PDB file of N, CA and C in Angstrom:
ATOM      1  N   MET A   1     -32.432  12.961  14.494  1.00  0.00           N
ATOM      2  CA  MET A   1     -31.833  11.638  15.259  1.00  0.00           C
ATOM      3  C   MET A   1     -30.949  11.696  16.260  1.00  0.00           C
ATOM      4  N   HIS A   2     -29.600  12.294  15.689  1.00  0.00           N
ATOM      5  CA  HIS A   2     -28.582  12.751  16.567  1.00  0.00           C
ATOM      6  C   HIS A   2     -28.701  13.935  17.713  1.00  0.00           C
ATOM      7  N   VAL A   3     -29.704  14.685  17.087  1.00  0.00           N
ATOM      8  CA  VAL A   3     -29.970  15.760  18.282  1.00  0.00           C
ATOM      9  C   VAL A   3     -30.775  15.167  19.499  1.00  0.00           C
ATOM     10  N   PHE A   4     -31.558  14.076  19.302  1.00  0.00           N
ATOM     11  CA  PHE A   4     -32.023  13.221  20.484  1.00  0.00           C
ATOM     12  C   PHE A   4     -31.038  12.342  21.300  1.00  0.00           C
ATOM     13  N   VAL A   5     -30.324  11.802  20.259  1.00  0.00           N
ATOM     14  CA  VAL A   5     -29.373  10.744  21.036  1.00  0.00           C
ATOM     15  C   VAL A   5     -28.172  11.306  21.701  1.00  0.00           C
ATOM     16  N   ASN A   6     -27.408  12.268  21.230  1.00  0.00           N
ATOM     17  CA  ASN A   6     -26.258  12.544  21.417  1.00  0.00           C
ATOM     18  C   ASN A   6     -26.256  13.454  22.992  1.00  0.00           C
ATOM     19  N   PRO A   7     -27.224  13.974  23.412  1.00  0.00           N
ATOM     20  CA  PRO A   7     -27.247  14.436  24.808  1.00  0.00           C
ATOM     21  C   PRO A   7     -27.420  13.410  25.724  1.00  0.00           C
ATOM     22  N   ILE A   8     -28.095  12.348  25.636  1.00  0.00           N
ATOM     23  CA  ILE A   8     -28.258  11.298  26.368  1.00  0.00           C
ATOM     24  C   ILE A   8     -26.974  10.416  26.417  1.00  0.00           C
ATOM     25  N   MET A   9     -26.190  10.355  25.177  1.00  0.00           N
ATOM     26  CA  MET A   9     -25.010   9.487  25.321  1.00  0.00           C
ATOM     27  C   MET A   9     -23.879  10.412  25.771  1.00  0.00           C
ATOM     28  N   PHE A  10     -24.010  11.617  25.695  1.00  0.00           N
ATOM     29  CA  PHE A  10     -22.963  12.428  26.475  1.00  0.00           C
ATOM     30  C   PHE A  10     -23.434  12.524  28.091  1.00  0.00           C
ATOM     31  N   GLY A  11     -24.583  12.290  28.513  1.00  0.00           N
ATOM     32  CA  GLY A  11     -25.007  12.232  29.754  1.00  0.00           C
ATOM     33  C   GLY A  11     -24.704  10.930  30.437  1.00  0.00           C
ATOM     34  N   SER A  12     -24.895   9.723  29.904  1.00  0.00           N
ATOM     35  CA  SER A  12     -24.431   8.458  30.211  1.00  0.00           C
ATOM     36  C   SER A  12     -22.872   7.978  30.290  1.00  0.00           C
ATOM     37  N   LEU A  13     -22.432   8.208  28.904  1.00  0.00           N
ATOM     38  CA  LEU A  13     -20.961   7.756  28.564  1.00  0.00           C
ATOM     39  C   LEU A  13     -20.049   8.833  28.968  1.00  0.00           C
ATOM     40  N   GLY A  14     -20.356  10.195  28.836  1.00  0.00           N
ATOM     41  CA  GLY A  14     -19.377  11.207  28.993  1.00  0.00           C
ATOM     42  C   GLY A  14     -18.552  11.273  27.775  1.00  0.00           C
ATOM     43  N   ASN A  15     -17.089  11.683  28.030  1.00  0.00           N
ATOM     44  CA  ASN A  15     -16.196  11.786  26.828  1.00  0.00           C
ATOM     45  C   ASN A  15     -16.078  10.358  26.279  1.00  0.00           C
ATOM     46  N   ARG A  16     -16.335   9.473  26.820  1.00  0.00           N
ATOM     47  CA  ARG A  16     -16.130   8.277  25.881  1.00  0.00           C
ATOM     48  C   ARG A  16     -17.118   8.172  24.730  1.00  0.00           C
ATOM     49  N   THR A  17     -17.909   9.153  24.596  1.00  0.00           N
ATOM     50  CA  THR A  17     -18.922   9.071  23.615  1.00  0.00           C
ATOM     51  C   THR A  17     -17.864   8.922  22.022  1.00  0.00           C
ATOM     52  N   TYR A  18     -16.860   9.932  22.407  1.00  0.00           N
ATOM     53  CA  TYR A  18     -16.053  10.266  21.349  1.00  0.00           C
ATOM     54  C   TYR A  18     -15.349   9.017  20.941  1.00  0.00           C
ATOM     55  N   PHE A  19     -14.815   8.052  21.899  1.00  0.00           N
ATOM     56  CA  PHE A  19     -14.243   6.866  21.325  1.00  0.00           C
ATOM     57  C   PHE A  19     -15.253   5.965  20.792  1.00  0.00           C
ATOM     58  N   LEU A  20     -16.419   5.998  21.104  1.00  0.00           N
ATOM     59  CA  LEU A  20     -17.474   5.340  20.442  1.00  0.00           C
ATOM     60  C   LEU A  20     -17.791   5.372  19.118  1.00  0.00           C
ATOM     61  N   PHE A  21     -17.717   7.014  18.529  1.00  0.00           N
ATOM     62  CA  PHE A  21     -17.951   7.454  17.403  1.00  0.00           C
ATOM     63  C   PHE A  21     -16.596   7.166  16.582  1.00  0.00           C
ATOM     64  N   ALA A  22     -15.327   7.307  17.292  1.00  0.00           N
ATOM     65  CA  ALA A  22     -14.051   6.823  16.514  1.00  0.00           C
ATOM     66  C   ALA A  22     -14.246   5.359  15.927  1.00  0.00           C
ATOM     67  N   GLY A  23     -14.540   4.420  17.189  1.00  0.00           N
ATOM     68  CA  GLY A  23     -14.467   3.108  16.912  1.00  0.00           C
ATOM     69  C   GLY A  23     -15.546   2.929  15.799  1.00  0.00           C
ATOM     70  N   LEU A  24     -16.476   3.390  15.636  1.00  0.00           N
ATOM     71  CA  LEU A  24     -17.757   3.139  14.612  1.00  0.00           C
ATOM     72  C   LEU A  24     -16.809   3.891  13.360  1.00  0.00           C
ATOM     73  N   ASN A  25     -16.187   4.732  13.293  1.00  0.00           N
ATOM     74  CA  ASN A  25     -15.520   5.261  11.977  1.00  0.00           C
ATOM     75  C   ASN A  25     -14.556   3.916  11.583  1.00  0.00           C
ATOM     76  N   LEU A  26     -13.721   3.703  12.349  1.00  0.00           N
ATOM     77  CA  LEU A  26     -12.557   2.594  12.158  1.00  0.00           C
ATOM     78  C   LEU A  26     -13.534   1.541  11.572  1.00  0.00           C
ATOM     79  N   LEU A  27     -14.391   1.170  12.017  1.00  0.00           N
ATOM     80  CA  LEU A  27     -15.207  -0.285  11.493  1.00  0.00           C
ATOM     81  C   LEU A  27     -15.814   0.164   9.980  1.00  0.00           C
ATOM     82  N   TRP A  28     -16.083   1.202   9.858  1.00  0.00           N
ATOM     83  CA  TRP A  28     -16.582   1.531   8.608  1.00  0.00           C
ATOM     84  C   TRP A  28     -15.740   1.723   7.389  1.00  0.00           C
ATOM     85  N   SER A  29     -14.329   2.127   7.822  1.00  0.00           N
ATOM     86  CA  SER A  29     -13.307   2.514   7.056  1.00  0.00           C
ATOM     87  C   SER A  29     -12.975   1.423   5.868  1.00  0.00           C
ATOM     88  N   PRO A  30     -13.003  -0.151   6.298  1.00  0.00           N
ATOM     89  CA  PRO A  30     -12.521  -0.846   5.251  1.00  0.00           C
ATOM     90  C   PRO A  30     -13.796  -1.076   4.325  1.00  0.00           C
ATOM     91  N   PHE A  31     -15.044  -0.975   4.883  1.00  0.00           N
ATOM     92  CA  PHE A  31     -16.124  -1.028   4.009  1.00  0.00           C
ATOM     93  C   PHE A  31     -16.212  -0.059   2.851  1.00  0.00           C
ATOM     94  N   ILE A  32     -15.893   1.244   3.363  1.00  0.00           N
ATOM     95  CA  ILE A  32     -15.897   2.352   2.188  1.00  0.00           C
ATOM     96  C   ILE A  32     -14.858   2.065   1.334  1.00  0.00           C
ATOM     97  N   TYR A  33     -13.493   1.778   1.598  1.00  0.00           N
ATOM     98  CA  TYR A  33     -12.437   1.535   0.988  1.00  0.00           C
ATOM     99  C   TYR A  33     -12.578   0.477  -0.028  1.00  0.00           C
ATOM    100  N   PHE A  34     -13.293  -0.711   0.298  1.00  0.00           N
ATOM    101  CA  PHE A  34     -13.371  -1.775  -0.925  1.00  0.00           C
ATOM    102  C   PHE A  34     -14.856  -1.595  -1.567  1.00  0.00           C
ATOM    103  N   PHE A  35     -15.802  -1.037  -1.121  1.00  0.00           N
ATOM    104  CA  PHE A  35     -17.134  -0.935  -1.944  1.00  0.00           C
ATOM    105  C   PHE A  35     -17.373   0.504  -2.519  1.00  0.00           C
ATOM    106  N   TYR A  36     -16.752   1.452  -2.160  1.00  0.00           N
ATOM    107  CA  TYR A  36     -17.262   2.787  -2.744  1.00  0.00           C
ATOM    108  C   TYR A  36     -16.027   3.182  -3.783  1.00  0.00           C
ATOM    109  N   PRO A  37     -16.483   3.363  -5.280  1.00  0.00           N
ATOM    110  CA  PRO A  37     -15.572   3.805  -6.150  1.00  0.00           C
ATOM    111  C   PRO A  37     -15.223   5.245  -6.077  1.00  0.00           C
ATOM    112  N   GLU A  38     -14.115   5.567  -6.722  1.00  0.00           N
ATOM    113  CA  GLU A  38     -13.603   6.790  -6.617  1.00  0.00           C
ATOM    114  C   GLU A  38     -14.252   7.598  -7.785  1.00  0.00           C
ATOM    115  N   THR A  39     -15.010   8.842  -7.653  1.00  0.00           N
ATOM    116  CA  THR A  39     -15.622   9.573  -8.725  1.00  0.00           C
ATOM    117  C   THR A  39     -14.740  10.830  -9.121  1.00  0.00           C
ATOM    118  N   ALA A  40     -13.960  11.360  -8.416  1.00  0.00           N
ATOM    119  CA  ALA A  40     -13.105  12.654  -8.500  1.00  0.00           C
ATOM    120  C   ALA A  40     -12.464  12.498  -9.838  1.00  0.00           C
ATOM    121  N   ASP A  41     -12.479  13.540 -10.558  1.00  0.00           N
ATOM    122  CA  ASP A  41     -11.918  13.709 -11.883  1.00  0.00           C
ATOM    123  C   ASP A  41     -12.308  12.832 -13.008  1.00  0.00           C
ATOM    124  N   ARG A  42     -13.586  12.492 -12.846  1.00  0.00           N
ATOM    125  CA  ARG A  42     -13.990  11.511 -13.856  1.00  0.00           C
ATOM    126  C   ARG A  42     -15.274  12.482 -14.211  1.00  0.00           C
ATOM    127  N   PHE A  43     -15.644  12.176 -15.849  1.00  0.00           N
ATOM    128  CA  PHE A  43     -16.804  12.860 -16.282  1.00  0.00           C
ATOM    129  C   PHE A  43     -18.075  12.384 -15.822  1.00  0.00           C
ATOM    130  N   LEU A  44     -19.161  13.071 -15.814  1.00  0.00           N
ATOM    131  CA  LEU A  44     -20.482  12.583 -15.429  1.00  0.00           C
ATOM    132  C   LEU A  44     -20.988  11.505 -16.538  1.00  0.00           C
ATOM    133  N   GLU A  45     -20.696  11.566 -17.673  1.00  0.00           N
ATOM    134  CA  GLU A  45     -21.059  10.479 -18.619  1.00  0.00           C
ATOM    135  C   GLU A  45     -20.817   9.161 -18.225  1.00  0.00           C
ATOM    136  N   SER A  46     -19.225   9.554 -17.923  1.00  0.00           N
ATOM    137  CA  SER A  46     -18.490   7.984 -17.548  1.00  0.00           C
ATOM    138  C   SER A  46     -18.646   7.448 -16.237  1.00  0.00           C
ATOM    139  N   ILE A  47     -19.454   8.019 -15.318  1.00  0.00           N
ATOM    140  CA  ILE A  47     -19.609   7.558 -13.935  1.00  0.00           C
ATOM    141  C   ILE A  47     -20.571   6.264 -14.321  1.00  0.00           C
ATOM    142  N   GLU A  48     -21.475   6.056 -15.524  1.00  0.00           N
ATOM    143  CA  GLU A  48     -22.449   5.022 -15.652  1.00  0.00           C
ATOM    144  C   GLU A  48     -21.436   3.730 -15.920  1.00  0.00           C
ATOM    145  N   ALA A  49     -20.342   3.870 -16.360  1.00  0.00           N
ATOM    146  CA  ALA A  49     -19.669   2.657 -16.538  1.00  0.00           C
ATOM    147  C   ALA A  49     -18.899   2.266 -15.336  1.00  0.00           C
ATOM    148  N   LEU A  50     -18.652   3.257 -14.107  1.00  0.00           N
ATOM    149  CA  LEU A  50     -18.558   2.554 -12.913  1.00  0.00           C
ATOM    150  C   LEU A  50     -19.469   1.530 -12.400  1.00  0.00           C
ATOM    151  N   PHE A  51     -20.533   1.858 -12.597  1.00  0.00           N
ATOM    152  CA  PHE A  51     -21.664   0.840 -12.115  1.00  0.00           C
ATOM    153  C   PHE A  51     -22.456  -0.165 -13.000  1.00  0.00           C
ATOM    154  N   ALA A  52     -21.681  -0.291 -14.072  1.00  0.00           N
ATOM    155  CA  ALA A  52     -22.178  -1.099 -15.261  1.00  0.00           C
ATOM    156  C   ALA A  52     -21.868  -2.696 -14.688  1.00  0.00           C
ATOM    157  N   THR A  53     -20.784  -3.075 -13.681  1.00  0.00           N
ATOM    158  CA  THR A  53     -20.688  -4.378 -13.382  1.00  0.00           C
ATOM    159  C   THR A  53     -21.747  -4.614 -12.175  1.00  0.00           C
ATOM    160  N   SER A  54     -22.074  -5.704 -12.133  1.00  0.00           N
ATOM    161  CA  SER A  54     -22.992  -6.281 -11.103  1.00  0.00           C
ATOM    162  C   SER A  54     -22.133  -6.727  -9.589  1.00  0.00           C
ATOM    163  N   SER A  55     -20.849  -6.563  -9.663  1.00  0.00           N
ATOM    164  CA  SER A  55     -20.025  -6.905  -8.536  1.00  0.00           C
ATOM    165  C   SER A  55     -19.740  -5.854  -7.566  1.00  0.00           C
ATOM    166  N   PRO A  56     -20.075  -5.747  -6.519  1.00  0.00           N
ATOM    167  CA  PRO A  56     -19.935  -4.659  -5.298  1.00  0.00           C
ATOM    168  C   PRO A  56     -18.647  -4.269  -5.070  1.00  0.00           C
ATOM    169  N   PHE A  57     -17.638  -5.096  -5.623  1.00  0.00           N
ATOM    170  CA  PHE A  57     -16.150  -4.788  -5.344  1.00  0.00           C
ATOM    171  C   PHE A  57     -15.376  -3.927  -6.052  1.00  0.00           C
ATOM    172  N   ASN A  58     -14.681  -2.843  -5.353  1.00  0.00           N
ATOM    173  CA  ASN A  58     -14.081  -1.660  -5.994  1.00  0.00           C
ATOM    174  C   ASN A  58     -13.247  -2.303  -7.119  1.00  0.00           C
ATOM    175  N   TRP A  59     -12.355  -3.335  -7.144  1.00  0.00           N
ATOM    176  CA  TRP A  59     -11.666  -3.450  -8.171  1.00  0.00           C
ATOM    177  C   TRP A  59     -12.361  -3.981  -9.274  1.00  0.00           C
ATOM    178  N   LYS A  60     -13.277  -4.629  -9.194  1.00  0.00           N
ATOM    179  CA  LYS A  60     -14.293  -4.919 -10.321  1.00  0.00           C
ATOM    180  C   LYS A  60     -14.990  -3.675 -11.135  1.00  0.00           C
ATOM    181  N   ILE A  61     -15.319  -2.779 -10.299  1.00  0.00           N
ATOM    182  CA  ILE A  61     -15.945  -1.682 -10.736  1.00  0.00           C
ATOM    183  C   ILE A  61     -14.694  -0.762 -11.525  1.00  0.00           C
ATOM    184  N   GLU A  62     -13.645  -0.853 -11.191  1.00  0.00           N
ATOM    185  CA  GLU A  62     -12.316  -0.064 -11.698  1.00  0.00           C
ATOM    186  C   GLU A  62     -12.003  -0.924 -12.977  1.00  0.00           C
ATOM    187  N   ALA A  63     -12.081  -2.137 -12.809  1.00  0.00           N
ATOM    188  CA  ALA A  63     -11.746  -2.814 -14.317  1.00  0.00           C
ATOM    189  C   ALA A  63     -12.792  -2.513 -15.433  1.00  0.00           C
ATOM    190  N   ALA A  64     -14.226  -2.315 -14.761  1.00  0.00           N
ATOM    191  CA  ALA A  64     -15.127  -2.216 -15.805  1.00  0.00           C
ATOM    192  C   ALA A  64     -15.086  -0.497 -16.415  1.00  0.00           C
ATOM    193  N   TYR A  65     -14.745   0.384 -15.613  1.00  0.00           N
ATOM    194  CA  TYR A  65     -14.537   1.614 -15.744  1.00  0.00           C
ATOM    195  C   TYR A  65     -13.291   1.695 -16.975  1.00  0.00           C
ATOM    196  N   ARG A  66     -12.161   1.078 -16.667  1.00  0.00           N
ATOM    197  CA  ARG A  66     -11.128   0.903 -17.521  1.00  0.00           C
ATOM    198  C   ARG A  66     -11.493   0.390 -19.023  1.00  0.00           C
ATOM    199  N   ALA A  67     -12.597  -0.597 -19.014  1.00  0.00           N
ATOM    200  CA  ALA A  67     -12.965  -1.256 -20.170  1.00  0.00           C
ATOM    201  C   ALA A  67     -13.775  -0.425 -21.034  1.00  0.00           C
ATOM    202  N   HIS A  68     -14.713   0.496 -20.409  1.00  0.00           N
ATOM    203  CA  HIS A  68     -16.058   1.086 -20.843  1.00  0.00           C
ATOM    204  C   HIS A  68     -15.900   2.597 -20.550  1.00  0.00           C
ATOM    205  N   GLY A  69     -14.985   3.130 -19.624  1.00  0.00           N
ATOM    206  CA  GLY A  69     -15.052   4.415 -19.252  1.00  0.00           C
ATOM    207  C   GLY A  69     -15.041   5.741 -19.954  1.00  0.00           C
ATOM    208  N   ASP A  70     -14.466   5.402 -21.245  1.00  0.00           N
ATOM    209  CA  ASP A  70     -14.106   6.546 -21.900  1.00  0.00           C
ATOM    210  C   ASP A  70     -15.418   6.691 -22.912  1.00  0.00           C
ATOM    211  N   VAL A  71     -16.524   7.103 -22.267  1.00  0.00           N
ATOM    212  CA  VAL A  71     -17.925   7.108 -22.867  1.00  0.00           C
ATOM    213  C   VAL A  71     -17.950   8.149 -23.764  1.00  0.00           C
ATOM    214  N   LEU A  72     -17.206   9.244 -23.612  1.00  0.00           N
ATOM    215  CA  LEU A  72     -17.151  10.553 -24.561  1.00  0.00           C
ATOM    216  C   LEU A  72     -16.817   9.987 -26.042  1.00  0.00           C
ATOM    217  N   ALA A  73     -15.557   9.219 -26.033  1.00  0.00           N
ATOM    218  CA  ALA A  73     -14.930   9.089 -26.976  1.00  0.00           C
ATOM    219  C   ALA A  73     -15.586   7.847 -27.711  1.00  0.00           C
ATOM    220  N   GLU A  74     -16.327   6.931 -26.983  1.00  0.00           N
ATOM    221  CA  GLU A  74     -17.112   5.972 -27.576  1.00  0.00           C
ATOM    222  C   GLU A  74     -18.259   6.713 -28.602  1.00  0.00           C
ATOM    223  N   ARG A  75     -18.668   7.622 -28.015  1.00  0.00           N
ATOM    224  CA  ARG A  75     -19.799   8.281 -28.574  1.00  0.00           C
ATOM    225  C   ARG A  75     -19.400   9.518 -29.688  1.00  0.00           C
ATOM    226  N   GLY A  76     -17.985   9.376 -29.871  1.00  0.00           N
ATOM    227  CA  GLY A  76     -17.625  10.442 -30.786  1.00  0.00           C
ATOM    228  C   GLY A  76     -17.547  11.820 -30.529  1.00  0.00           C
ATOM    229  N   LEU A  77     -17.389  12.167 -29.190  1.00  0.00           N
ATOM    230  CA  LEU A  77     -17.495  13.419 -28.717  1.00  0.00           C
ATOM    231  C   LEU A  77     -16.147  14.128 -28.269  1.00  0.00           C
ATOM    232  N   SER A  78     -15.582  15.021 -28.348  1.00  0.00           N
ATOM    233  CA  SER A  78     -14.370  15.516 -27.981  1.00  0.00           C
ATOM    234  C   SER A  78     -13.984  15.692 -26.609  1.00  0.00           C
ATOM    235  N   VAL A  79     -13.163  15.637 -26.132  1.00  0.00           N
ATOM    236  CA  VAL A  79     -12.887  15.859 -24.610  1.00  0.00           C
ATOM    237  C   VAL A  79     -11.720  16.988 -24.388  1.00  0.00           C
ATOM    238  N   LEU A  80     -12.024  17.863 -23.607  1.00  0.00           N
ATOM    239  CA  LEU A  80     -10.794  18.914 -23.369  1.00  0.00           C
ATOM    240  C   LEU A  80      -9.736  18.024 -22.570  1.00  0.00           C
ATOM    241  N   ALA A  81      -8.586  18.589 -22.920  1.00  0.00           N
ATOM    242  CA  ALA A  81      -7.225  17.987 -22.262  1.00  0.00           C
ATOM    243  C   ALA A  81      -6.589  18.891 -21.410  1.00  0.00           C
ATOM    244  N   GLY A  82      -5.913  18.218 -20.575  1.00  0.00           N
ATOM    245  CA  GLY A  82      -4.987  18.990 -19.702  1.00  0.00           C
ATOM    246  C   GLY A  82      -5.419  20.185 -19.192  1.00  0.00           C
ATOM    247  N   SER A  83      -4.660  21.345 -19.306  1.00  0.00           N
ATOM    248  CA  SER A  83      -4.875  22.551 -18.683  1.00  0.00           C
ATOM    249  C   SER A  83      -6.492  23.166 -19.173  1.00  0.00           C
ATOM    250  N   ALA A  84      -6.582  22.906 -20.515  1.00  0.00           N
ATOM    251  CA  ALA A  84      -7.862  23.356 -20.943  1.00  0.00           C
ATOM    252  C   ALA A  84      -9.047  22.946 -20.247  1.00  0.00           C
ATOM    253  N   ARG A  85      -8.776  21.772 -19.750  1.00  0.00           N
ATOM    254  CA  ARG A  85      -9.964  21.054 -19.099  1.00  0.00           C
ATOM    255  C   ARG A  85     -10.063  21.830 -17.591  1.00  0.00           C
ATOM    256  N   SER A  86      -8.906  22.179 -17.018  1.00  0.00           N
ATOM    257  CA  SER A  86      -8.982  22.618 -15.566  1.00  0.00           C
ATOM    258  C   SER A  86      -9.407  24.154 -15.640  1.00  0.00           C
ATOM    259  N   LYS A  87      -9.089  24.657 -16.851  1.00  0.00           N
ATOM    260  CA  LYS A  87      -9.572  26.411 -17.087  1.00  0.00           C
ATOM    261  C   LYS A  87     -11.007  26.003 -17.393  1.00  0.00           C
ATOM    262  N   TRP A  88     -11.412  25.134 -17.984  1.00  0.00           N
ATOM    263  CA  TRP A  88     -13.261  25.054 -18.344  1.00  0.00           C
ATOM    264  C   TRP A  88     -13.851  24.842 -16.876  1.00  0.00           C
ATOM    265  N   ARG A  89     -12.903  23.941 -16.014  1.00  0.00           N
ATOM    266  CA  ARG A  89     -13.872  23.841 -14.652  1.00  0.00           C
ATOM    267  C   ARG A  89     -13.733  24.903 -13.887  1.00  0.00           C
ATOM    268  N   ALA A  90     -12.677  25.782 -14.141  1.00  0.00           N
ATOM    269  CA  ALA A  90     -12.880  27.059 -13.261  1.00  0.00           C
ATOM    270  C   ALA A  90     -13.726  28.029 -13.672  1.00  0.00           C
ATOM    271  N   PHE A  91     -13.915  27.970 -14.958  1.00  0.00           N
ATOM    272  CA  PHE A  91     -15.062  29.070 -15.664  1.00  0.00           C
ATOM    273  C   PHE A  91     -16.463  28.590 -15.354  1.00  0.00           C
ATOM    274  N   GLU A  92     -16.651  27.287 -15.054  1.00  0.00           N
ATOM    275  CA  GLU A  92     -17.802  26.712 -14.927  1.00  0.00           C
ATOM    276  C   GLU A  92     -18.450  27.041 -13.554  1.00  0.00           C
ATOM    277  N   TYR A  93     -17.549  27.545 -12.565  1.00  0.00           N
ATOM    278  CA  TYR A  93     -18.069  27.854 -11.153  1.00  0.00           C
ATOM    279  C   TYR A  93     -18.048  29.529 -10.972  1.00  0.00           C
ATOM    280  N   LEU A  94     -17.738  30.092 -12.026  1.00  0.00           N
ATOM    281  CA  LEU A  94     -17.813  31.537 -11.828  1.00  0.00           C
ATOM    282  C   LEU A  94     -19.187  32.102 -12.089  1.00  0.00           C
TER     283      LEU A  94
END
């Protein structure tokens, strides 16, 4: 889609196309901040707890994660802690 639209936009708007894209990014930034949860440094099994609530707001999702986010411990599985966890992650990508 962008392959067809961008040349036409640059032809009619010129360098103002960049301002259009910057404005659209600024419009979407609050939406991303309030509705998309952070998934970095969380186990795949615990991601389900992020989406257990029916509320779309990030603070409700984080509260649900704090309440039920430790899925591995609830299932009786062990978790690698601290540096052992980071060493295991480095090993996974080799």
